Amino acid sequence: MMQRTLSFLRKIAALMLRKKTSAFVRHAAQKDAQHFAALHAQGDFSHAWSLAEFEGFLADRSVLADVLCDPSRPDRLYGFVLSRRAGDEAEILTIILARAVRGRGWSRVLLSHHLAHLASAGVSTLFLEVEDANLPARALYEAHGFSVIGKRPGYYRRPDGSSALALVMRLSLAEL
């Protein structure tokens, strides 16, 4: 079942990459931490994570990370996704695309590849939190089969200081 899931996710990623030939996905390296911090600062987060935090994530053996980059310059990053694994479960910690490339469908490419990466690492269940009002992210996750399993009131702090509801979502990689 896991092989079928992996094959399915790779086919999706390959199809999307054929349509979007100016980006590809690779596993992250420690040297990517600086780019991660810069990209994360572009996000709509009330607190962007620091270079030291990303260095720590990339040094952590339980963290799996993938980057979306330029095929002719693999050091030019367009986005990334980080997940932390615990046994056969994992949680997406963050996923972000540079503002300049949003709306091209590349988040689907990145997430499809990352799901295949997690499945090949033995992850069978994946969790995440997403702000209720973040409709593009919710659509991305729902298109990949995530379902809402709970809510966390006041979980996120918005840049204006107000709080926002988080939806807790789950995906069974074994069911794909």
C-alpha atoms as a PDB file:
ATOM      1  CA  MET A   1       0.000   0.000   0.000  1.00  0.00           C
ATOM      2  CA  MET A   2       2.826   2.403   0.889  1.00  0.00           C
ATOM      3  CA  GLN A   3       4.528   1.756  -2.493  1.00  0.00           C
ATOM      4  CA  ARG A   4       1.270   2.573  -4.298  1.00  0.00           C
ATOM      5  CA  THR A   5       0.982   5.796  -2.299  1.00  0.00           C
ATOM      6  CA  LEU A   6       4.557   6.731  -3.114  1.00  0.00           C
ATOM      7  CA  SER A   7       4.052   5.986  -6.789  1.00  0.00           C
ATOM      8  CA  PHE A   8       0.832   8.012  -6.895  1.00  0.00           C
ATOM      9  CA  LEU A   9       2.411  11.045  -5.220  1.00  0.00           C
ATOM     10  CA  ARG A  10       5.473  10.933  -7.475  1.00  0.00           C
ATOM     11  CA  LYS A  11       3.238  10.792 -10.554  1.00  0.00           C
ATOM     12  CA  ILE A  12       1.356  13.879  -9.360  1.00  0.00           C
ATOM     13  CA  ALA A  13       4.615  15.729  -8.718  1.00  0.00           C
ATOM     14  CA  ALA A  14       6.047  14.669 -12.102  1.00  0.00           C
ATOM     15  CA  LEU A  15       2.908  15.767 -13.936  1.00  0.00           C
ATOM     16  CA  MET A  16       2.905  19.122 -12.181  1.00  0.00           C
ATOM     17  CA  LEU A  17       6.594  19.630 -12.867  1.00  0.00           C
ATOM     18  CA  ARG A  18       6.052  18.992 -16.586  1.00  0.00           C
ATOM     19  CA  LYS A  19       3.478  21.772 -16.534  1.00  0.00           C
ATOM     20  CA  LYS A  20       5.672  24.060 -14.430  1.00  0.00           C
ATOM     21  CA  THR A  21       9.116  23.468 -15.879  1.00  0.00           C
ATOM     22  CA  SER A  22      10.861  26.296 -14.077  1.00  0.00           C
ATOM     23  CA  ALA A  23      10.982  24.671 -10.630  1.00  0.00           C
ATOM     24  CA  PHE A  24      11.809  21.334  -9.051  1.00  0.00           C
ATOM     25  CA  VAL A  25      11.875  19.834  -5.566  1.00  0.00           C
ATOM     26  CA  ARG A  26      14.901  18.485  -3.703  1.00  0.00           C
ATOM     27  CA  HIS A  27      15.633  17.503  -0.120  1.00  0.00           C
ATOM     28  CA  ALA A  28      16.846  20.379   2.029  1.00  0.00           C
ATOM     29  CA  ALA A  29      20.431  20.770   3.195  1.00  0.00           C
ATOM     30  CA  GLN A  30      21.903  22.575   6.193  1.00  0.00           C
ATOM     31  CA  LYS A  31      23.102  25.361   3.896  1.00  0.00           C
ATOM     32  CA  ASP A  32      19.453  26.185   3.089  1.00  0.00           C
ATOM     33  CA  ALA A  33      18.781  27.602   6.574  1.00  0.00           C
ATOM     34  CA  GLN A  34      19.571  31.179   5.558  1.00  0.00           C
ATOM     35  CA  HIS A  35      17.177  30.978   2.599  1.00  0.00           C
ATOM     36  CA  PHE A  36      14.508  29.454   4.838  1.00  0.00           C
ATOM     37  CA  ALA A  37      14.748  32.369   7.256  1.00  0.00           C
ATOM     38  CA  ALA A  38      14.504  34.899   4.416  1.00  0.00           C
ATOM     39  CA  LEU A  39      11.483  33.157   2.849  1.00  0.00           C
ATOM     40  CA  HIS A  40       9.749  32.705   6.191  1.00  0.00           C
ATOM     41  CA  ALA A  41      10.119  36.452   6.809  1.00  0.00           C
ATOM     42  CA  GLN A  42       8.027  36.995   3.632  1.00  0.00           C
ATOM     43  CA  GLY A  43       5.140  35.051   5.132  1.00  0.00           C
ATOM     44  CA  ASP A  44       2.138  36.491   6.867  1.00  0.00           C
ATOM     45  CA  PHE A  45       3.340  35.359  10.279  1.00  0.00           C
ATOM     46  CA  SER A  46       3.316  37.521  13.389  1.00  0.00           C
ATOM     47  CA  HIS A  47       6.734  36.086  14.236  1.00  0.00           C
ATOM     48  CA  ALA A  48       9.148  34.913  11.548  1.00  0.00           C
ATOM     49  CA  TRP A  49      11.490  32.155  12.640  1.00  0.00           C
ATOM     50  CA  SER A  50      15.166  33.033  12.941  1.00  0.00           C
ATOM     51  CA  LEU A  51      18.198  31.662  11.144  1.00  0.00           C
ATOM     52  CA  ALA A  52      19.205  29.871  14.358  1.00  0.00           C
ATOM     53  CA  GLU A  53      15.795  28.207  14.572  1.00  0.00           C
ATOM     54  CA  PHE A  54      16.063  26.951  10.987  1.00  0.00           C
ATOM     55  CA  GLU A  55      19.621  25.749  11.576  1.00  0.00           C
ATOM     56  CA  GLY A  56      18.285  23.788  14.530  1.00  0.00           C
ATOM     57  CA  PHE A  57      15.445  22.288  12.494  1.00  0.00           C
ATOM     58  CA  LEU A  58      17.778  21.220   9.694  1.00  0.00           C
ATOM     59  CA  ALA A  59      20.211  19.657  12.172  1.00  0.00           C
ATOM     60  CA  ASP A  60      17.406  17.682  13.848  1.00  0.00           C
ATOM     61  CA  ARG A  61      17.207  14.087  12.554  1.00  0.00           C
ATOM     62  CA  SER A  62      13.459  14.005  13.192  1.00  0.00           C
ATOM     63  CA  VAL A  63      12.853  16.914  10.778  1.00  0.00           C
ATOM     64  CA  LEU A  64      12.271  16.191   7.096  1.00  0.00           C
ATOM     65  CA  ALA A  65      12.484  19.156   4.753  1.00  0.00           C
ATOM     66  CA  ASP A  66      12.066  19.727   1.037  1.00  0.00           C
ATOM     67  CA  VAL A  67      12.695  22.797  -1.076  1.00  0.00           C
ATOM     68  CA  LEU A  68      11.229  24.083  -4.312  1.00  0.00           C
ATOM     69  CA  CYS A  69      14.005  25.588  -6.388  1.00  0.00           C
ATOM     70  CA  ASP A  70      15.219  26.706  -9.799  1.00  0.00           C
ATOM     71  CA  PRO A  71      16.527  23.710 -11.798  1.00  0.00           C
ATOM     72  CA  SER A  72      19.376  25.733 -13.300  1.00  0.00           C
ATOM     73  CA  ARG A  73      20.333  27.199  -9.912  1.00  0.00           C
ATOM     74  CA  PRO A  74      19.436  24.762  -7.102  1.00  0.00           C
ATOM     75  CA  ASP A  75      20.528  27.373  -4.546  1.00  0.00           C
ATOM     76  CA  ARG A  76      17.675  29.700  -5.662  1.00  0.00           C
ATOM     77  CA  LEU A  77      14.777  28.677  -3.447  1.00  0.00           C
ATOM     78  CA  TYR A  78      11.138  29.438  -4.200  1.00  0.00           C
ATOM     79  CA  GLY A  79       9.684  27.663  -1.192  1.00  0.00           C
ATOM     80  CA  PHE A  80      10.082  24.937   1.389  1.00  0.00           C
ATOM     81  CA  VAL A  81       8.223  22.632   3.724  1.00  0.00           C
ATOM     82  CA  LEU A  82       9.359  21.281   7.111  1.00  0.00           C
ATOM     83  CA  SER A  83       7.854  18.343   8.989  1.00  0.00           C
ATOM     84  CA  ARG A  84       8.812  16.718  12.261  1.00  0.00           C
ATOM     85  CA  ARG A  85       8.472  12.941  12.516  1.00  0.00           C
ATOM     86  CA  ALA A  86       7.722  10.929  15.658  1.00  0.00           C
ATOM     87  CA  GLY A  87       7.450   7.222  14.929  1.00  0.00           C
ATOM     88  CA  ASP A  88       5.033   6.668  12.062  1.00  0.00           C
ATOM     89  CA  GLU A  89       3.408  10.093  12.517  1.00  0.00           C
ATOM     90  CA  ALA A  90       4.571  13.542  11.464  1.00  0.00           C
ATOM     91  CA  GLU A  91       3.435  17.138  11.659  1.00  0.00           C
ATOM     92  CA  ILE A  92       3.989  19.810   9.041  1.00  0.00           C
ATOM     93  CA  LEU A  93       5.673  22.631  10.925  1.00  0.00           C
ATOM     94  CA  THR A  94       5.601  25.161   8.098  1.00  0.00           C
ATOM     95  CA  ILE A  95       5.234  25.440   4.353  1.00  0.00           C
ATOM     96  CA  ILE A  96       5.833  28.633   2.408  1.00  0.00           C
ATOM     97  CA  LEU A  97       6.315  29.885  -1.126  1.00  0.00           C
ATOM     98  CA  ALA A  98       7.930  33.164  -2.123  1.00  0.00           C
ATOM     99  CA  ARG A  99       5.311  35.789  -2.925  1.00  0.00           C
ATOM    100  CA  ALA A 100       6.662  36.101  -6.475  1.00  0.00           C
ATOM    101  CA  VAL A 101       5.740  32.500  -7.348  1.00  0.00           C
ATOM    102  CA  ARG A 102       2.426  32.093  -5.557  1.00  0.00           C
ATOM    103  CA  GLY A 103      -0.585  31.212  -7.654  1.00  0.00           C
ATOM    104  CA  ARG A 104       1.321  29.019 -10.134  1.00  0.00           C
ATOM    105  CA  GLY A 105       0.374  25.660  -8.632  1.00  0.00           C
ATOM    106  CA  TRP A 106       3.861  25.074  -7.295  1.00  0.00           C
ATOM    107  CA  SER A 107       2.630  24.560  -3.740  1.00  0.00           C
ATOM    108  CA  ARG A 108       0.931  21.389  -5.029  1.00  0.00           C
ATOM    109  CA  VAL A 109       4.215  20.228  -6.531  1.00  0.00           C
ATOM    110  CA  LEU A 110       6.087  20.908  -3.295  1.00  0.00           C
ATOM    111  CA  LEU A 111       3.500  19.285  -1.044  1.00  0.00           C
ATOM    112  CA  SER A 112       3.080  16.222  -3.308  1.00  0.00           C
ATOM    113  CA  HIS A 113       6.814  15.632  -3.273  1.00  0.00           C
ATOM    114  CA  HIS A 114       6.976  16.123   0.484  1.00  0.00           C
ATOM    115  CA  LEU A 115       4.157  13.639   1.071  1.00  0.00           C
ATOM    116  CA  ALA A 116       6.082  11.076  -0.990  1.00  0.00           C
ATOM    117  CA  HIS A 117       9.220  11.869   1.037  1.00  0.00           C
ATOM    118  CA  LEU A 118       7.345  11.324   4.307  1.00  0.00           C
ATOM    119  CA  ALA A 119       5.726   8.099   3.079  1.00  0.00           C
ATOM    120  CA  SER A 120       9.116   6.732   2.002  1.00  0.00           C
ATOM    121  CA  ALA A 121      10.414   7.535   5.507  1.00  0.00           C
ATOM    122  CA  GLY A 122       7.668   5.371   7.031  1.00  0.00           C
ATOM    123  CA  VAL A 123       5.191   8.084   7.990  1.00  0.00           C
ATOM    124  CA  SER A 124       1.610   6.836   7.797  1.00  0.00           C
ATOM    125  CA  THR A 125      -0.281   9.753   9.408  1.00  0.00           C
ATOM    126  CA  LEU A 126       0.395  13.441   8.940  1.00  0.00           C
ATOM    127  CA  PHE A 127      -1.006  16.366  10.941  1.00  0.00           C
ATOM    128  CA  LEU A 128      -0.933  20.140  10.567  1.00  0.00           C
ATOM    129  CA  GLU A 129      -2.548  23.304  11.853  1.00  0.00           C
ATOM    130  CA  VAL A 130      -3.807  25.979   9.476  1.00  0.00           C
ATOM    131  CA  GLU A 131      -5.485  29.289  10.172  1.00  0.00           C
ATOM    132  CA  ASP A 132      -9.196  28.997   9.510  1.00  0.00           C
ATOM    133  CA  ALA A 133      -9.168  32.132   7.334  1.00  0.00           C
ATOM    134  CA  ASN A 134      -6.239  30.951   5.163  1.00  0.00           C
ATOM    135  CA  LEU A 135      -8.409  29.745   2.294  1.00  0.00           C
ATOM    136  CA  PRO A 136      -5.607  29.072  -0.247  1.00  0.00           C
ATOM    137  CA  ALA A 137      -3.749  26.856   2.242  1.00  0.00           C
ATOM    138  CA  ARG A 138      -6.926  25.061   3.256  1.00  0.00           C
ATOM    139  CA  ALA A 139      -7.747  24.388  -0.407  1.00  0.00           C
ATOM    140  CA  LEU A 140      -4.239  23.004  -0.949  1.00  0.00           C
ATOM    141  CA  TYR A 141      -4.508  20.647   2.008  1.00  0.00           C
ATOM    142  CA  GLU A 142      -8.041  19.534   1.183  1.00  0.00           C
ATOM    143  CA  ALA A 143      -6.998  18.833  -2.434  1.00  0.00           C
ATOM    144  CA  HIS A 144      -4.347  16.481  -1.044  1.00  0.00           C
ATOM    145  CA  GLY A 145      -6.886  14.654   1.132  1.00  0.00           C
ATOM    146  CA  PHE A 146      -6.421  16.311   4.525  1.00  0.00           C
ATOM    147  CA  SER A 147      -9.534  16.500   6.690  1.00  0.00           C
ATOM    148  CA  VAL A 148     -10.346  18.687   9.693  1.00  0.00           C
ATOM    149  CA  ILE A 149     -10.255  16.762  12.967  1.00  0.00           C
ATOM    150  CA  GLY A 150     -10.312  19.600  15.478  1.00  0.00           C
ATOM    151  CA  LYS A 151     -10.082  23.315  16.250  1.00  0.00           C
ATOM    152  CA  ARG A 152      -7.754  25.398  18.411  1.00  0.00           C
ATOM    153  CA  PRO A 153      -9.289  28.777  19.313  1.00  0.00           C
ATOM    154  CA  GLY A 154      -6.785  31.632  19.621  1.00  0.00           C
ATOM    155  CA  TYR A 155      -3.911  29.409  18.401  1.00  0.00           C
ATOM    156  CA  TYR A 156      -2.404  31.900  15.948  1.00  0.00           C
ATOM    157  CA  ARG A 157      -1.382  35.480  16.607  1.00  0.00           C
ATOM    158  CA  ARG A 158      -1.943  37.767  13.649  1.00  0.00           C
ATOM    159  CA  PRO A 159       0.486  40.593  12.837  1.00  0.00           C
ATOM    160  CA  ASP A 160      -2.077  43.094  14.201  1.00  0.00           C
ATOM    161  CA  GLY A 161      -2.032  41.309  17.583  1.00  0.00           C
ATOM    162  CA  SER A 162      -5.441  39.657  17.295  1.00  0.00           C
ATOM    163  CA  SER A 163      -5.817  35.900  17.558  1.00  0.00           C
ATOM    164  CA  ALA A 164      -7.083  33.407  15.007  1.00  0.00           C
ATOM    165  CA  LEU A 165      -8.655  29.977  15.050  1.00  0.00           C
ATOM    166  CA  ALA A 166      -6.509  27.055  13.885  1.00  0.00           C
ATOM    167  CA  LEU A 167      -7.958  24.012  12.213  1.00  0.00           C
ATOM    168  CA  VAL A 168      -6.192  20.754  13.028  1.00  0.00           C
ATOM    169  CA  MET A 169      -6.017  18.572   9.934  1.00  0.00           C
ATOM    170  CA  ARG A 170      -4.957  14.974   9.370  1.00  0.00           C
ATOM    171  CA  LEU A 171      -3.980  12.906   6.349  1.00  0.00           C
ATOM    172  CA  SER A 172      -3.551   9.155   6.268  1.00  0.00           C
ATOM    173  CA  LEU A 173      -0.768   8.494   3.787  1.00  0.00           C
ATOM    174  CA  ALA A 174      -1.732   4.827   3.773  1.00  0.00           C
ATOM    175  CA  GLU A 175      -5.145   5.705   2.282  1.00  0.00           C
ATOM    176  CA  LEU A 176      -3.780   7.509  -0.784  1.00  0.00           C
END
